[in-house]
Amino acid sequence: MEEIPTTAEFFLPLDRCFACFSSPGEGHPILGSQSEFNIADMLEKHFWFHRDDFQDGEVLCPDCRNQLESFHRFYLVVEQNHRIKIERKPSPDPTKTEDVSMLPLLEVKLEAPEIADDGEQDQSSSSDDEFKPDDDGGLSTDESDSKSEGDEKHEESPERKKRKYVKRKERGEPPAPRKKINYKVKNAEQLAEEDEIIRTHVQYICEYCQMNCTTFSAYHRHVLDEHNTTKAFILCCGKRYYKKKGLLEHVQRLANPDLFKCEICEKTFVNSFGLQKHTEELHGPEESKIFACSRCPKRFVKQGQLTLHLRGHENLDKELAKCPICDRRYPSEAILRTHIKKSHTRPTDFICDICAKGFYSKSEFMRHKVEHEFSPAELRRQCEICLQWLKNEANWKKHCARHKQGPVTCDICMHVSPTKHSLAAHKRNRHRAPNPALTCQECGKEFKRAISLKEHLASHTGEALYFCTFCPRTFNSNANMFSHRKKMHPQEWLELRNAQQANQFS
């Protein structure tokens, strides 16, 4: 066995902290310190060190010095308080009684303890929760009762302070139900299999000494024991993973991106926790959604979700999250930032190497790449309800979701819209305040949309903005032109519409 070096043989560099052996960079000298308290005196007072143990140049790191000084201040406060207590303690006088304010008496029922044949109390019936001895070493009630009645001399016990009454549960009252947590115990083979899956992508290499461990638990113990740190992590793809479960799910998702995919709405998540939370909150049974919104038909599983939702209503009413460019309102600042990034700035996060089109999210970028791999006719899908053809699967999902919504009533004018999307458009066009920047210079009328101002100006100038495809009639409004073609030229309009759809998917 290797011999442990003695104190004389052990050499500690002077640039290391005298207490924790870390490299402080800029430490405080132990001898000759200029602080409020002398560091050497504090170390000698509270530890086993002597003045001869300190050498010139030895330092304490800022953390150790702050902890030492904080404890020394606490020590001085306690010492001063007890010195004052001893000085002010009056001499005992049995003729004088001290006026002590007592708490109101409470009725307490005590059960007589069972006495064994030898005169000792049966300790099995006592409980630490029912009664505990005082801090001053006085006997408890059960211990005082256990004294034999035949004792001729009884010592008079000092008067004890009354304890604060704490209401306890009635006997026989059932305890509060606890939420059961089902822990899955894994055997050695399963743990080894998980480590093999992780090591196919990342190795358990210590960043301090480059030691390669075979298991996550061995790596965890090595880092904590050998390198004097409180947390051990594995760095993978630029992210730190402190638990094995998170690292395992990350590696599994790299091999299968659809591992944590919702079977109902096909939304993907980065881990099992996100998928479970999404399923409980959005696709859970209706009877579990007990928190209802007072302003809309939405219901939630948790109170925190309802509180966040109501805050969104308040932000919409006060226009706290309003786009400065297009004046659209949103329930939160985060959604507003996403809108500005997607609608009013140029995307550069993901660039298509075929057409150089930019995207903000990876999911949109992946959907775009499919358009280059398949023809438009292969990507289109038809709605089974209204038989309308959609451009791709994403548009088909949005279209089918609108069929499931049903009619929605406007809370301002009671107008009935077929879907929530059309209701939002109705509120923007009918109930949104006019934009002062969109004001007609001829008559002073304000508008909410730039296209409305453009069509209004055409009525002043007489400029024809729209032309009918089937007759020489002109229009100042696109809506009037569309209604004219559909009403006066129904056959031609239908043929043109079918031809445009065919060209779109060809």
Protein backbone atom coordinates (compact mmCIF):
# COMPACT_ATOMS: atom_id res chain seq x y z
CA MET A 1 0.00 0.00 0.00
CA GLU A 2 1.16 3.51 -0.76
CA GLU A 3 2.14 5.61 2.24
CA ILE A 4 0.17 8.79 2.82
CA PRO A 5 2.53 11.80 2.75
CA THR A 6 3.03 13.61 6.04
CA THR A 7 2.41 17.29 6.56
CA ALA A 8 6.05 18.07 5.97
CA GLU A 9 6.13 16.11 2.72
CA PHE A 10 2.92 17.67 1.35
CA PHE A 11 3.63 20.83 -0.62
CA LEU A 12 0.84 23.31 -1.46
CA PRO A 13 1.65 26.07 -3.94
CA LEU A 14 1.31 29.56 -2.46
CA ASP A 15 -1.06 30.66 -5.23
CA ARG A 16 -3.65 28.10 -4.03
CA CYS A 17 -6.33 28.90 -1.45
CA PHE A 18 -5.25 27.79 2.04
CA ALA A 19 -8.76 26.44 2.80
CA CYS A 20 -10.26 24.90 -0.37
CA PHE A 21 -7.01 24.46 -2.43
CA SER A 22 -8.55 26.20 -5.46
CA SER A 23 -6.78 28.77 -7.64
CA PRO A 24 -8.38 32.08 -6.63
CA GLY A 25 -6.56 34.24 -9.15
CA GLU A 26 -6.61 37.20 -6.78
CA GLY A 27 -6.68 36.08 -3.12
CA HIS A 28 -6.46 37.76 0.28
CA PRO A 29 -3.19 37.30 2.22
CA ILE A 30 -3.56 35.52 5.57
CA LEU A 31 -0.73 37.36 7.29
CA GLY A 32 -0.89 41.13 7.27
CA SER A 33 -4.45 41.46 5.91
CA GLN A 34 -5.91 44.97 5.94
CA SER A 35 -9.57 43.93 6.35
CA GLU A 36 -11.89 44.60 9.30
CA PHE A 37 -10.98 41.27 10.91
CA ASN A 38 -7.56 39.67 10.81
CA ILE A 39 -7.75 36.48 8.75
CA ALA A 40 -5.04 34.69 10.76
CA ASP A 41 -6.82 35.47 14.06
CA MET A 42 -10.14 34.13 12.72
CA LEU A 43 -8.55 30.91 11.43
CA GLU A 44 -6.75 30.38 14.73
CA LYS A 45 -9.90 31.06 16.77
CA HIS A 46 -12.38 28.85 14.88
CA PHE A 47 -10.10 26.09 13.55
CA TRP A 48 -7.26 23.91 14.79
CA PHE A 49 -4.53 26.01 13.15
CA HIS A 50 -1.77 27.81 15.03
CA ARG A 51 0.10 30.94 14.09
CA ASP A 52 3.13 28.85 13.08
CA ASP A 53 1.04 27.03 10.42
CA PHE A 54 0.77 30.16 8.29
CA GLN A 55 3.50 31.23 5.90
CA ASP A 56 4.13 34.49 4.10
CA GLY A 57 2.36 34.56 0.76
CA GLU A 58 -0.45 32.13 1.65
CA VAL A 59 -3.88 33.44 0.67
CA LEU A 60 -7.63 32.74 0.98
CA CYS A 61 -9.93 32.88 -2.03
CA PRO A 62 -12.77 35.47 -1.92
CA ASP A 63 -15.43 32.80 -1.29
CA CYS A 64 -13.63 31.24 1.69
CA ARG A 65 -12.83 34.68 3.13
CA ASN A 66 -16.49 35.79 2.88
CA GLN A 67 -17.73 32.60 4.55
CA LEU A 68 -15.13 32.86 7.32
CA GLU A 69 -15.92 36.52 7.97
CA SER A 70 -19.67 35.86 7.94
CA PHE A 71 -19.34 33.06 10.52
CA HIS A 72 -17.05 35.25 12.68
CA ARG A 73 -19.67 38.04 12.71
CA PHE A 74 -22.31 35.50 13.73
CA TYR A 75 -20.01 34.24 16.50
CA LEU A 76 -19.53 37.77 17.85
CA VAL A 77 -23.29 38.43 17.88
CA VAL A 78 -24.00 35.22 19.80
CA GLU A 79 -21.17 35.92 22.26
CA GLN A 80 -22.45 39.45 22.91
CA ASN A 81 -26.06 38.33 23.41
CA HIS A 82 -25.12 35.71 25.99
CA ARG A 83 -22.80 38.14 27.81
CA ILE A 84 -25.70 40.59 28.16
CA LYS A 85 -27.97 37.77 29.30
CA ILE A 86 -25.57 36.79 32.08
CA GLU A 87 -25.11 40.41 33.22
CA ARG A 88 -28.86 41.11 33.41
CA LYS A 89 -29.85 37.81 35.09
CA PRO A 90 -31.40 38.66 38.52
CA SER A 91 -30.47 36.80 41.70
CA PRO A 92 -32.96 34.07 42.66
CA ASP A 93 -35.47 35.27 45.29
CA PRO A 94 -38.11 32.72 46.35
CA THR A 95 -40.35 35.42 47.87
CA LYS A 96 -40.85 37.20 44.57
CA THR A 97 -42.91 35.76 41.75
CA GLU A 98 -42.32 36.85 38.21
CA ASP A 99 -45.33 38.09 36.25
CA VAL A 100 -45.33 35.98 33.16
CA SER A 101 -48.04 36.40 30.52
CA MET A 102 -49.41 32.96 29.78
CA LEU A 103 -51.29 31.74 26.79
CA PRO A 104 -54.97 30.80 27.38
CA LEU A 105 -55.36 27.38 28.85
CA LEU A 106 -56.29 24.61 26.47
CA GLU A 107 -58.00 21.39 27.24
CA VAL A 108 -55.56 18.58 26.56
CA LYS A 109 -56.46 14.94 27.03
CA LEU A 110 -53.61 12.69 28.15
CA GLU A 111 -53.88 8.94 28.16
CA ALA A 112 -52.40 7.16 31.16
CA PRO A 113 -49.39 5.10 30.11
CA GLU A 114 -49.29 1.39 30.75
CA ILE A 115 -46.98 0.43 33.63
CA ALA A 116 -45.07 -2.80 33.46
CA ASP A 117 -44.74 -5.18 36.41
CA ASP A 118 -41.29 -3.91 37.34
CA GLY A 119 -42.51 -0.32 37.68
CA GLU A 120 -41.06 0.93 34.40
CA GLN A 121 -43.13 2.53 31.66
CA ASP A 122 -43.84 0.55 28.51
CA GLN A 123 -41.76 2.44 25.94
CA SER A 124 -43.58 0.91 22.99
CA SER A 125 -46.65 3.12 23.56
CA SER A 126 -44.74 6.41 23.53
CA SER A 127 -44.33 8.55 20.44
CA ASP A 128 -41.87 11.30 19.60
CA ASP A 129 -44.59 13.18 17.76
CA GLU A 130 -46.86 13.41 20.81
CA PHE A 131 -44.34 14.81 23.28
CA LYS A 132 -40.68 15.76 23.19
CA PRO A 133 -38.36 16.75 26.07
CA ASP A 134 -37.42 20.38 26.58
CA ASP A 135 -34.16 21.74 25.34
CA ASP A 136 -33.00 22.40 28.93
CA GLY A 137 -32.91 18.70 29.69
CA GLY A 138 -36.14 18.61 31.74
CA LEU A 139 -38.13 15.43 32.03
CA SER A 140 -41.15 14.89 29.87
CA THR A 141 -44.60 14.18 31.29
CA ASP A 142 -44.28 10.44 30.69
CA GLU A 143 -40.90 10.32 32.40
CA SER A 144 -42.12 12.21 35.46
CA ASP A 145 -45.10 9.85 35.81
CA SER A 146 -42.80 6.86 35.68
CA LYS A 147 -41.21 7.76 39.02
CA SER A 148 -42.22 5.49 41.83
CA GLU A 149 -44.76 6.86 44.29
CA GLY A 150 -42.77 5.47 47.22
CA ASP A 151 -39.98 8.00 46.91
CA GLU A 152 -39.74 9.99 50.12
CA LYS A 153 -37.84 12.94 48.58
CA HIS A 154 -39.24 14.71 45.57
CA GLU A 155 -37.18 17.35 43.87
CA GLU A 156 -39.20 20.36 42.92
CA SER A 157 -38.92 20.77 39.17
CA PRO A 158 -38.62 24.33 37.79
CA GLU A 159 -41.60 25.89 36.13
CA ARG A 160 -41.65 25.14 32.42
CA LYS A 161 -42.84 27.46 29.65
CA LYS A 162 -46.07 26.56 27.99
CA ARG A 163 -45.70 25.19 24.49
CA LYS A 164 -47.44 26.71 21.52
CA TYR A 165 -50.55 24.73 20.70
CA VAL A 166 -50.65 23.18 17.26
CA LYS A 167 -53.92 21.76 16.02
CA ARG A 168 -53.66 18.12 15.12
CA LYS A 169 -55.86 15.95 13.00
CA GLU A 170 -58.70 14.15 14.72
CA ARG A 171 -58.15 10.52 15.45
CA GLY A 172 -59.54 8.33 12.75
CA GLU A 173 -59.35 11.10 10.12
CA PRO A 174 -57.96 9.63 6.88
CA PRO A 175 -54.68 11.16 5.67
CA ALA A 176 -54.60 13.26 2.50
CA PRO A 177 -54.20 11.10 -0.59
CA ARG A 178 -50.75 11.18 -2.09
CA LYS A 179 -50.09 11.09 -5.77
CA LYS A 180 -48.64 7.74 -6.69
CA ILE A 181 -45.49 7.82 -8.78
CA ASN A 182 -44.72 4.66 -10.65
CA TYR A 183 -40.96 4.23 -10.89
CA LYS A 184 -39.67 1.80 -13.47
CA VAL A 185 -36.80 -0.21 -12.09
CA LYS A 186 -34.34 -1.17 -14.83
CA ASN A 187 -32.04 -4.14 -14.68
CA ALA A 188 -28.36 -4.19 -15.58
CA GLU A 189 -29.01 -5.34 -19.15
CA GLN A 190 -31.35 -2.43 -19.86
CA LEU A 191 -28.92 0.08 -18.39
CA ALA A 192 -26.06 -1.36 -20.44
CA GLU A 193 -28.19 -1.21 -23.59
CA GLU A 194 -28.96 2.47 -22.95
CA ASP A 195 -25.26 3.23 -22.50
CA GLU A 196 -24.48 1.49 -25.80
CA ILE A 197 -27.11 3.63 -27.58
CA ILE A 198 -25.64 6.82 -26.14
CA ARG A 199 -22.03 5.87 -26.92
CA THR A 200 -22.89 5.40 -30.59
CA HIS A 201 -23.18 9.19 -30.77
CA VAL A 202 -21.12 10.58 -27.85
CA GLN A 203 -18.48 9.13 -25.53
CA TYR A 204 -18.27 9.49 -21.73
CA ILE A 205 -14.98 11.41 -21.80
CA CYS A 206 -14.08 13.55 -18.78
CA GLU A 207 -13.31 17.10 -19.81
CA TYR A 208 -10.82 17.53 -16.94
CA CYS A 209 -8.56 14.46 -17.34
CA GLN A 210 -9.81 12.95 -20.65
CA MET A 211 -10.69 9.65 -18.94
CA ASN A 212 -13.11 7.53 -20.98
CA CYS A 213 -15.79 5.87 -18.83
CA THR A 214 -17.96 2.97 -19.90
CA THR A 215 -21.25 3.95 -18.21
CA PHE A 216 -23.02 7.20 -17.37
CA SER A 217 -23.08 6.40 -13.65
CA ALA A 218 -19.33 5.68 -13.62
CA TYR A 219 -18.67 8.98 -15.41
CA HIS A 220 -20.92 10.79 -12.93
CA ARG A 221 -19.11 9.34 -9.89
CA HIS A 222 -15.69 10.01 -11.42
CA VAL A 223 -16.34 13.71 -12.05
CA LEU A 224 -17.89 14.33 -8.63
CA ASP A 225 -15.28 12.43 -6.64
CA GLU A 226 -12.08 13.22 -8.50
CA HIS A 227 -12.52 16.81 -9.67
CA ASN A 228 -14.19 18.54 -6.70
CA THR A 229 -17.29 19.72 -8.57
CA THR A 230 -20.98 19.66 -7.69
CA LYS A 231 -22.43 18.83 -11.12
CA ALA A 232 -21.43 16.45 -13.88
CA PHE A 233 -22.70 16.80 -17.42
CA ILE A 234 -22.18 15.48 -20.94
CA LEU A 235 -21.85 18.03 -23.74
CA CYS A 236 -23.66 16.93 -26.91
CA CYS A 237 -24.65 19.08 -29.90
CA GLY A 238 -23.76 22.23 -27.95
CA LYS A 239 -26.08 21.43 -25.02
CA ARG A 240 -25.31 20.17 -21.53
CA TYR A 241 -27.11 17.06 -20.27
CA TYR A 242 -26.98 16.45 -16.52
CA LYS A 243 -29.29 13.40 -16.50
CA LYS A 244 -29.04 10.19 -18.44
CA LYS A 245 -32.69 10.22 -19.53
CA GLY A 246 -32.37 13.56 -21.32
CA LEU A 247 -29.18 12.48 -23.09
CA LEU A 248 -30.70 9.14 -24.12
CA GLU A 249 -33.83 10.76 -25.58
CA HIS A 250 -31.67 13.30 -27.41
CA VAL A 251 -29.60 10.54 -29.06
CA GLN A 252 -32.72 8.50 -29.88
CA ARG A 253 -34.37 11.53 -31.49
CA LEU A 254 -31.31 12.11 -33.67
CA ALA A 255 -31.77 8.60 -35.06
CA ASN A 256 -35.57 8.93 -35.32
CA PRO A 257 -36.90 12.53 -35.58
CA ASP A 258 -40.50 11.30 -35.25
CA LEU A 259 -39.87 9.45 -31.97
CA PHE A 260 -41.82 11.98 -29.88
CA LYS A 261 -44.60 12.74 -32.36
CA CYS A 262 -48.23 13.28 -31.35
CA GLU A 263 -50.44 10.64 -32.95
CA ILE A 264 -53.43 13.02 -33.05
CA CYS A 265 -52.05 16.27 -34.48
CA GLU A 266 -48.66 14.92 -35.66
CA LYS A 267 -46.74 17.64 -33.82
CA THR A 268 -43.20 16.61 -32.85
CA PHE A 269 -41.36 17.33 -29.58
CA VAL A 270 -37.77 17.08 -28.39
CA ASN A 271 -38.46 14.78 -25.43
CA SER A 272 -41.11 12.61 -23.80
CA PHE A 273 -41.99 15.26 -21.20
CA GLY A 274 -43.05 17.77 -23.87
CA LEU A 275 -45.15 15.14 -25.63
CA GLN A 276 -46.83 14.06 -22.40
CA LYS A 277 -47.60 17.65 -21.38
CA HIS A 278 -48.98 18.41 -24.85
CA THR A 279 -51.23 15.33 -24.79
CA GLU A 280 -52.62 16.10 -21.34
CA GLU A 281 -53.29 19.78 -22.02
CA LEU A 282 -54.61 19.67 -25.60
CA HIS A 283 -55.88 16.15 -26.25
CA GLY A 284 -56.95 15.12 -22.76
CA PRO A 285 -60.58 14.22 -21.91
CA GLU A 286 -62.98 17.12 -21.54
CA GLU A 287 -63.88 16.15 -17.97
CA SER A 288 -60.27 16.84 -16.94
CA LYS A 289 -60.49 20.45 -18.20
CA ILE A 290 -62.14 21.95 -15.12
CA PHE A 291 -60.87 25.54 -15.50
CA ALA A 292 -63.11 27.44 -17.94
CA CYS A 293 -62.45 30.88 -19.44
CA SER A 294 -65.16 33.46 -18.72
CA ARG A 295 -64.58 35.26 -22.02
CA CYS A 296 -64.35 32.42 -24.55
CA PRO A 297 -65.33 28.73 -24.74
CA LYS A 298 -61.81 27.47 -24.00
CA ARG A 299 -61.18 25.20 -21.01
CA PHE A 300 -57.92 24.15 -19.39
CA VAL A 301 -56.51 21.40 -17.20
CA LYS A 302 -54.49 23.64 -14.86
CA GLN A 303 -55.13 26.98 -13.18
CA GLY A 304 -51.84 28.37 -14.47
CA GLN A 305 -52.90 27.79 -18.08
CA LEU A 306 -56.15 29.69 -17.49
CA THR A 307 -54.27 32.57 -15.83
CA LEU A 308 -51.89 32.83 -18.78
CA HIS A 309 -54.83 32.68 -21.21
CA LEU A 310 -56.70 35.49 -19.39
CA ARG A 311 -53.55 37.59 -19.50
CA GLY A 312 -53.65 37.20 -23.29
CA HIS A 313 -57.22 38.58 -23.33
CA GLU A 314 -56.04 41.56 -21.29
CA ASN A 315 -53.10 42.18 -23.64
CA LEU A 316 -55.47 42.14 -26.62
CA ASP A 317 -57.87 44.60 -24.96
CA LYS A 318 -55.11 47.04 -23.99
CA GLU A 319 -53.12 46.44 -27.21
CA LEU A 320 -49.97 45.74 -25.21
CA ALA A 321 -48.57 43.46 -27.94
CA LYS A 322 -49.34 45.38 -31.12
CA CYS A 323 -47.26 45.16 -34.28
CA PRO A 324 -45.87 48.63 -35.14
CA ILE A 325 -45.81 47.76 -38.85
CA CYS A 326 -49.18 46.19 -39.63
CA ASP A 327 -51.09 47.04 -36.40
CA ARG A 328 -52.01 43.41 -35.71
CA ARG A 329 -52.57 42.58 -32.05
CA TYR A 330 -51.30 39.48 -30.25
CA PRO A 331 -51.86 38.00 -26.79
CA SER A 332 -48.18 38.06 -25.79
CA GLU A 333 -44.87 39.71 -26.61
CA ALA A 334 -43.36 36.36 -27.60
CA ILE A 335 -45.98 35.78 -30.31
CA LEU A 336 -45.51 39.36 -31.50
CA ARG A 337 -41.74 38.85 -31.86
CA THR A 338 -42.37 35.66 -33.83
CA HIS A 339 -44.79 37.53 -36.12
CA ILE A 340 -42.32 40.35 -36.77
CA LYS A 341 -39.54 37.88 -37.47
CA LYS A 342 -41.63 35.82 -39.90
CA SER A 343 -43.60 38.58 -41.64
CA HIS A 344 -41.45 41.70 -41.61
CA THR A 345 -37.83 40.53 -41.71
CA ARG A 346 -35.84 38.50 -44.19
CA PRO A 347 -35.33 34.88 -43.09
CA THR A 348 -31.76 33.66 -43.03
CA ASP A 349 -31.81 30.78 -40.53
CA PHE A 350 -32.36 28.02 -43.13
CA ILE A 351 -31.53 28.58 -46.82
CA CYS A 352 -32.62 26.20 -49.57
CA ASP A 353 -29.62 25.16 -51.68
CA ILE A 354 -31.83 24.80 -54.79
CA CYS A 355 -33.88 27.98 -54.95
CA ALA A 356 -32.12 30.09 -52.26
CA LYS A 357 -35.38 30.68 -50.40
CA GLY A 358 -34.99 31.39 -46.67
CA PHE A 359 -36.95 30.01 -43.71
CA TYR A 360 -37.04 30.65 -39.97
CA SER A 361 -38.01 27.21 -38.69
CA LYS A 362 -36.53 23.84 -39.54
CA SER A 363 -39.99 22.29 -40.00
CA GLU A 364 -40.94 24.80 -42.70
CA PHE A 365 -37.59 24.27 -44.37
CA MET A 366 -38.09 20.48 -44.44
CA ARG A 367 -41.58 20.87 -45.91
CA HIS A 368 -40.15 23.12 -48.61
CA LYS A 369 -37.48 20.57 -49.54
CA VAL A 370 -40.22 18.02 -50.23
CA GLU A 371 -41.58 20.34 -52.93
CA HIS A 372 -38.34 19.91 -54.86
CA GLU A 373 -38.43 16.11 -54.51
CA PHE A 374 -42.03 15.59 -55.73
CA SER A 375 -44.17 17.19 -58.42
CA PRO A 376 -47.10 19.47 -57.48
CA ALA A 377 -49.58 16.81 -58.62
CA GLU A 378 -48.04 14.30 -56.20
CA LEU A 379 -48.18 16.71 -53.26
CA ARG A 380 -51.79 17.86 -53.56
CA ARG A 381 -54.55 16.35 -51.41
CA GLN A 382 -58.34 16.52 -51.65
CA CYS A 383 -60.75 17.31 -48.84
CA GLU A 384 -63.23 14.49 -48.27
CA ILE A 385 -65.96 16.88 -47.08
CA CYS A 386 -66.06 19.62 -49.73
CA LEU A 387 -63.90 17.84 -52.39
CA GLN A 388 -61.59 20.85 -52.65
CA TRP A 389 -58.02 20.20 -53.75
CA LEU A 390 -55.23 21.64 -51.58
CA LYS A 391 -51.65 22.39 -52.53
CA ASN A 392 -49.91 20.16 -49.98
CA GLU A 393 -50.49 18.22 -46.79
CA ALA A 394 -49.96 21.22 -44.51
CA ASN A 395 -52.68 23.25 -46.23
CA TRP A 396 -54.92 20.16 -46.27
CA LYS A 397 -54.62 19.82 -42.48
CA LYS A 398 -55.50 23.46 -41.91
CA HIS A 399 -58.46 23.17 -44.27
CA CYS A 400 -59.81 20.02 -42.58
CA ALA A 401 -59.44 21.64 -39.15
CA ARG A 402 -61.76 24.44 -40.22
CA HIS A 403 -64.49 21.93 -41.06
CA LYS A 404 -64.36 20.63 -37.48
CA GLN A 405 -64.66 24.07 -35.87
CA GLY A 406 -68.23 24.96 -36.79
CA PRO A 407 -69.82 28.43 -36.79
CA VAL A 408 -68.47 31.05 -34.38
CA THR A 409 -70.33 34.15 -33.18
CA CYS A 410 -68.68 37.55 -32.88
CA ASP A 411 -68.85 38.85 -29.29
CA ILE A 412 -69.15 42.46 -30.50
CA CYS A 413 -71.86 42.47 -33.17
CA MET A 414 -73.14 38.85 -32.95
CA HIS A 415 -72.12 38.19 -36.55
CA VAL A 416 -71.85 34.46 -37.27
CA SER A 417 -68.71 33.35 -39.09
CA PRO A 418 -68.22 29.82 -40.44
CA THR A 419 -64.75 29.36 -38.86
CA LYS A 420 -62.45 31.00 -36.32
CA HIS A 421 -60.18 32.13 -39.16
CA SER A 422 -63.01 34.01 -40.85
CA LEU A 423 -64.09 35.45 -37.49
CA ALA A 424 -60.60 36.87 -36.96
CA ALA A 425 -60.71 38.43 -40.43
CA HIS A 426 -64.16 39.85 -39.65
CA LYS A 427 -62.90 41.53 -36.49
CA ARG A 428 -59.88 42.96 -38.28
CA ASN A 429 -61.97 44.41 -41.08
CA ARG A 430 -65.06 45.50 -39.15
CA HIS A 431 -64.09 46.30 -35.58
CA ARG A 432 -60.48 47.43 -35.81
CA ALA A 433 -59.89 51.16 -35.41
CA PRO A 434 -58.87 53.02 -38.59
CA ASN A 435 -55.20 53.74 -39.18
CA PRO A 436 -54.49 57.50 -39.22
CA ALA A 437 -51.69 56.89 -41.72
CA LEU A 438 -54.25 55.56 -44.23
CA THR A 439 -56.20 58.79 -44.71
CA CYS A 440 -57.63 60.02 -47.99
CA GLN A 441 -56.14 63.40 -48.94
CA GLU A 442 -59.28 64.33 -50.89
CA CYS A 443 -62.07 63.77 -48.36
CA GLY A 444 -60.23 62.93 -45.09
CA LYS A 445 -61.74 59.44 -44.73
CA GLU A 446 -59.62 56.95 -42.78
CA PHE A 447 -59.16 53.27 -43.69
CA LYS A 448 -57.88 50.13 -42.00
CA ARG A 449 -56.12 48.58 -45.00
CA ALA A 450 -53.91 50.04 -47.70
CA ILE A 451 -55.86 48.26 -50.47
CA SER A 452 -59.08 49.90 -49.25
CA LEU A 453 -57.47 53.34 -49.50
CA LYS A 454 -56.18 52.54 -53.00
CA GLU A 455 -59.63 51.49 -54.24
CA HIS A 456 -61.19 54.56 -52.61
CA LEU A 457 -58.75 56.92 -54.34
CA ALA A 458 -59.74 55.35 -57.68
CA SER A 459 -63.27 56.66 -57.11
CA HIS A 460 -61.84 60.21 -56.95
CA THR A 461 -59.51 59.89 -59.91
CA GLY A 462 -61.73 57.65 -62.09
CA GLU A 463 -58.87 55.18 -62.64
CA ALA A 464 -59.95 51.64 -63.55
CA LEU A 465 -58.15 49.13 -61.33
CA TYR A 466 -59.86 45.87 -62.35
CA PHE A 467 -61.13 44.52 -65.67
CA CYS A 468 -63.62 41.74 -66.33
CA THR A 469 -62.07 38.83 -68.22
CA PHE A 470 -65.27 38.05 -70.13
CA CYS A 471 -66.64 41.55 -70.95
CA PRO A 472 -65.29 45.11 -71.29
CA ARG A 473 -66.68 46.30 -67.93
CA THR A 474 -64.22 47.92 -65.43
CA PHE A 475 -64.28 48.17 -61.62
CA ASN A 476 -62.70 50.08 -58.76
CA SER A 477 -63.17 47.22 -56.28
CA ASN A 478 -61.83 43.68 -56.55
CA ALA A 479 -64.83 42.34 -54.61
CA ASN A 480 -67.27 43.94 -57.09
CA MET A 481 -65.36 42.49 -60.04
CA PHE A 482 -65.38 39.00 -58.49
CA SER A 483 -69.13 39.16 -57.79
CA HIS A 484 -69.80 40.37 -61.33
CA ARG A 485 -67.93 37.49 -62.97
CA LYS A 486 -69.54 34.87 -60.75
CA LYS A 487 -73.05 36.24 -61.27
CA MET A 488 -73.02 37.38 -64.92
CA HIS A 489 -70.58 34.78 -66.35
CA PRO A 490 -71.04 31.66 -64.17
CA GLN A 491 -70.07 29.12 -66.82
CA GLU A 492 -66.93 30.96 -67.90
CA TRP A 493 -65.97 31.65 -64.30
CA LEU A 494 -66.21 27.95 -63.37
CA GLU A 495 -64.14 26.86 -66.36
CA LEU A 496 -61.49 29.48 -65.55
CA ARG A 497 -61.37 28.37 -61.91
CA ASN A 498 -60.92 24.72 -62.83
CA ALA A 499 -58.19 25.60 -65.32
CA GLN A 500 -56.31 27.63 -62.71
CA GLN A 501 -56.40 24.75 -60.23
CA ALA A 502 -55.21 22.33 -62.89
CA ASN A 503 -52.30 24.61 -63.74
CA GLN A 504 -51.47 25.03 -60.07
CA PHE A 505 -51.00 21.28 -59.46
CA SER A 506 -49.51 20.36 -62.86
